[in-house]
Amino acid sequence: MAFFQDITLRFDLLPDNPPYHEKIRIFFECVKEDKEVPVKPEESLEVIKMLEGIYISSEKGKEVIFK
């Protein structure tokens, strides 16, 4: 991904939430240097599905089963 090589991350433009700055820096570095990200997209998708299930279960007031 050579087109990312000249991009600089500007922390001064990020919200004032320093604990996330390191996570953003690591992600940006992975994209810029074509490295593998620490959390695989498939893992993130599974977490999103679980969270969505929690919200749906809360709305319906019963257990939700998803595949």
C-alpha atoms as a PDB file:
ATOM      1  CA  MET A   1       0.000   0.000   0.000  1.00  0.00           C
ATOM      2  CA  ALA A   2       2.511   2.524  -1.172  1.00  0.00           C
ATOM      3  CA  PHE A   3      -0.062   5.327  -1.341  1.00  0.00           C
ATOM      4  CA  PHE A   4      -0.172   5.429   2.498  1.00  0.00           C
ATOM      5  CA  GLN A   5       3.575   5.940   2.904  1.00  0.00           C
ATOM      6  CA  ASP A   6       3.458   9.738   2.885  1.00  0.00           C
ATOM      7  CA  ILE A   7       0.525  10.097   5.279  1.00  0.00           C
ATOM      8  CA  THR A   8       1.201  11.391   8.788  1.00  0.00           C
ATOM      9  CA  LEU A   9      -1.125  10.735  11.720  1.00  0.00           C
ATOM     10  CA  ARG A  10      -2.039  13.996  13.443  1.00  0.00           C
ATOM     11  CA  PHE A  11      -2.907  13.269  17.070  1.00  0.00           C
ATOM     12  CA  ASP A  12      -3.768  16.933  17.574  1.00  0.00           C
ATOM     13  CA  LEU A  13      -6.828  16.342  15.361  1.00  0.00           C
ATOM     14  CA  LEU A  14      -8.070  13.363  17.391  1.00  0.00           C
ATOM     15  CA  PRO A  15     -10.584  13.687  20.231  1.00  0.00           C
ATOM     16  CA  ASP A  16      -8.904  14.300  23.582  1.00  0.00           C
ATOM     17  CA  ASN A  17      -8.985  10.640  24.635  1.00  0.00           C
ATOM     18  CA  PRO A  18      -5.334   9.542  24.964  1.00  0.00           C
ATOM     19  CA  PRO A  19      -6.038   5.875  25.885  1.00  0.00           C
ATOM     20  CA  TYR A  20      -7.282   5.373  22.327  1.00  0.00           C
ATOM     21  CA  HIS A  21      -4.402   7.206  20.687  1.00  0.00           C
ATOM     22  CA  GLU A  22      -2.142   4.148  20.996  1.00  0.00           C
ATOM     23  CA  LYS A  23      -4.767   1.864  19.430  1.00  0.00           C
ATOM     24  CA  ILE A  24      -5.238   4.345  16.575  1.00  0.00           C
ATOM     25  CA  ARG A  25      -1.472   4.660  16.133  1.00  0.00           C
ATOM     26  CA  ILE A  26      -1.045   0.865  15.946  1.00  0.00           C
ATOM     27  CA  PHE A  27      -3.894   0.500  13.442  1.00  0.00           C
ATOM     28  CA  PHE A  28      -2.531   3.356  11.325  1.00  0.00           C
ATOM     29  CA  GLU A  29       0.956   1.834  11.413  1.00  0.00           C
ATOM     30  CA  CYS A  30      -0.445  -1.529  10.243  1.00  0.00           C
ATOM     31  CA  VAL A  31      -2.213   0.096   7.310  1.00  0.00           C
ATOM     32  CA  LYS A  32       0.719   2.319   6.417  1.00  0.00           C
ATOM     33  CA  GLU A  33       3.308  -0.471   6.606  1.00  0.00           C
ATOM     34  CA  ASP A  34       1.016  -3.230   5.289  1.00  0.00           C
ATOM     35  CA  LYS A  35       1.267  -5.214   8.545  1.00  0.00           C
ATOM     36  CA  GLU A  36      -1.322  -7.552  10.025  1.00  0.00           C
ATOM     37  CA  VAL A  37      -3.684  -5.774  12.432  1.00  0.00           C
ATOM     38  CA  PRO A  38      -3.681  -7.002  16.072  1.00  0.00           C
ATOM     39  CA  VAL A  39      -7.376  -7.927  15.974  1.00  0.00           C
ATOM     40  CA  LYS A  40      -8.532  -9.794  12.902  1.00  0.00           C
ATOM     41  CA  PRO A  41     -11.646  -8.433  11.153  1.00  0.00           C
ATOM     42  CA  GLU A  42     -13.357 -11.810  11.635  1.00  0.00           C
ATOM     43  CA  GLU A  43     -12.929 -11.496  15.410  1.00  0.00           C
ATOM     44  CA  SER A  44     -14.353  -7.981  15.368  1.00  0.00           C
ATOM     45  CA  LEU A  45     -17.355  -9.195  13.390  1.00  0.00           C
ATOM     46  CA  GLU A  46     -18.087 -11.898  15.992  1.00  0.00           C
ATOM     47  CA  VAL A  47     -18.014  -9.309  18.788  1.00  0.00           C
ATOM     48  CA  ILE A  48     -20.376  -7.056  16.818  1.00  0.00           C
ATOM     49  CA  LYS A  49     -22.775  -9.988  16.323  1.00  0.00           C
ATOM     50  CA  MET A  50     -22.739 -10.718  20.052  1.00  0.00           C
ATOM     51  CA  LEU A  51     -23.381  -7.080  20.929  1.00  0.00           C
ATOM     52  CA  GLU A  52     -26.213  -6.903  18.420  1.00  0.00           C
ATOM     53  CA  GLY A  53     -27.683 -10.060  19.960  1.00  0.00           C
ATOM     54  CA  ILE A  54     -27.546  -8.446  23.409  1.00  0.00           C
ATOM     55  CA  TYR A  55     -29.436  -5.391  22.166  1.00  0.00           C
ATOM     56  CA  ILE A  56     -32.069  -7.470  20.340  1.00  0.00           C
ATOM     57  CA  SER A  57     -32.487  -9.739  23.369  1.00  0.00           C
ATOM     58  CA  SER A  58     -32.970  -6.696  25.587  1.00  0.00           C
ATOM     59  CA  GLU A  59     -35.587  -5.242  23.240  1.00  0.00           C
ATOM     60  CA  LYS A  60     -37.516  -8.530  22.940  1.00  0.00           C
ATOM     61  CA  GLY A  61     -37.077  -9.518  26.568  1.00  0.00           C
ATOM     62  CA  LYS A  62     -35.986 -13.042  25.669  1.00  0.00           C
ATOM     63  CA  GLU A  63     -32.989 -15.060  24.558  1.00  0.00           C
ATOM     64  CA  VAL A  64     -31.834 -14.553  20.989  1.00  0.00           C
ATOM     65  CA  ILE A  65     -30.018 -17.293  19.108  1.00  0.00           C
ATOM     66  CA  PHE A  66     -28.004 -16.402  16.050  1.00  0.00           C
ATOM     67  CA  LYS A  67     -25.655 -18.333  13.809  1.00  0.00           C
END
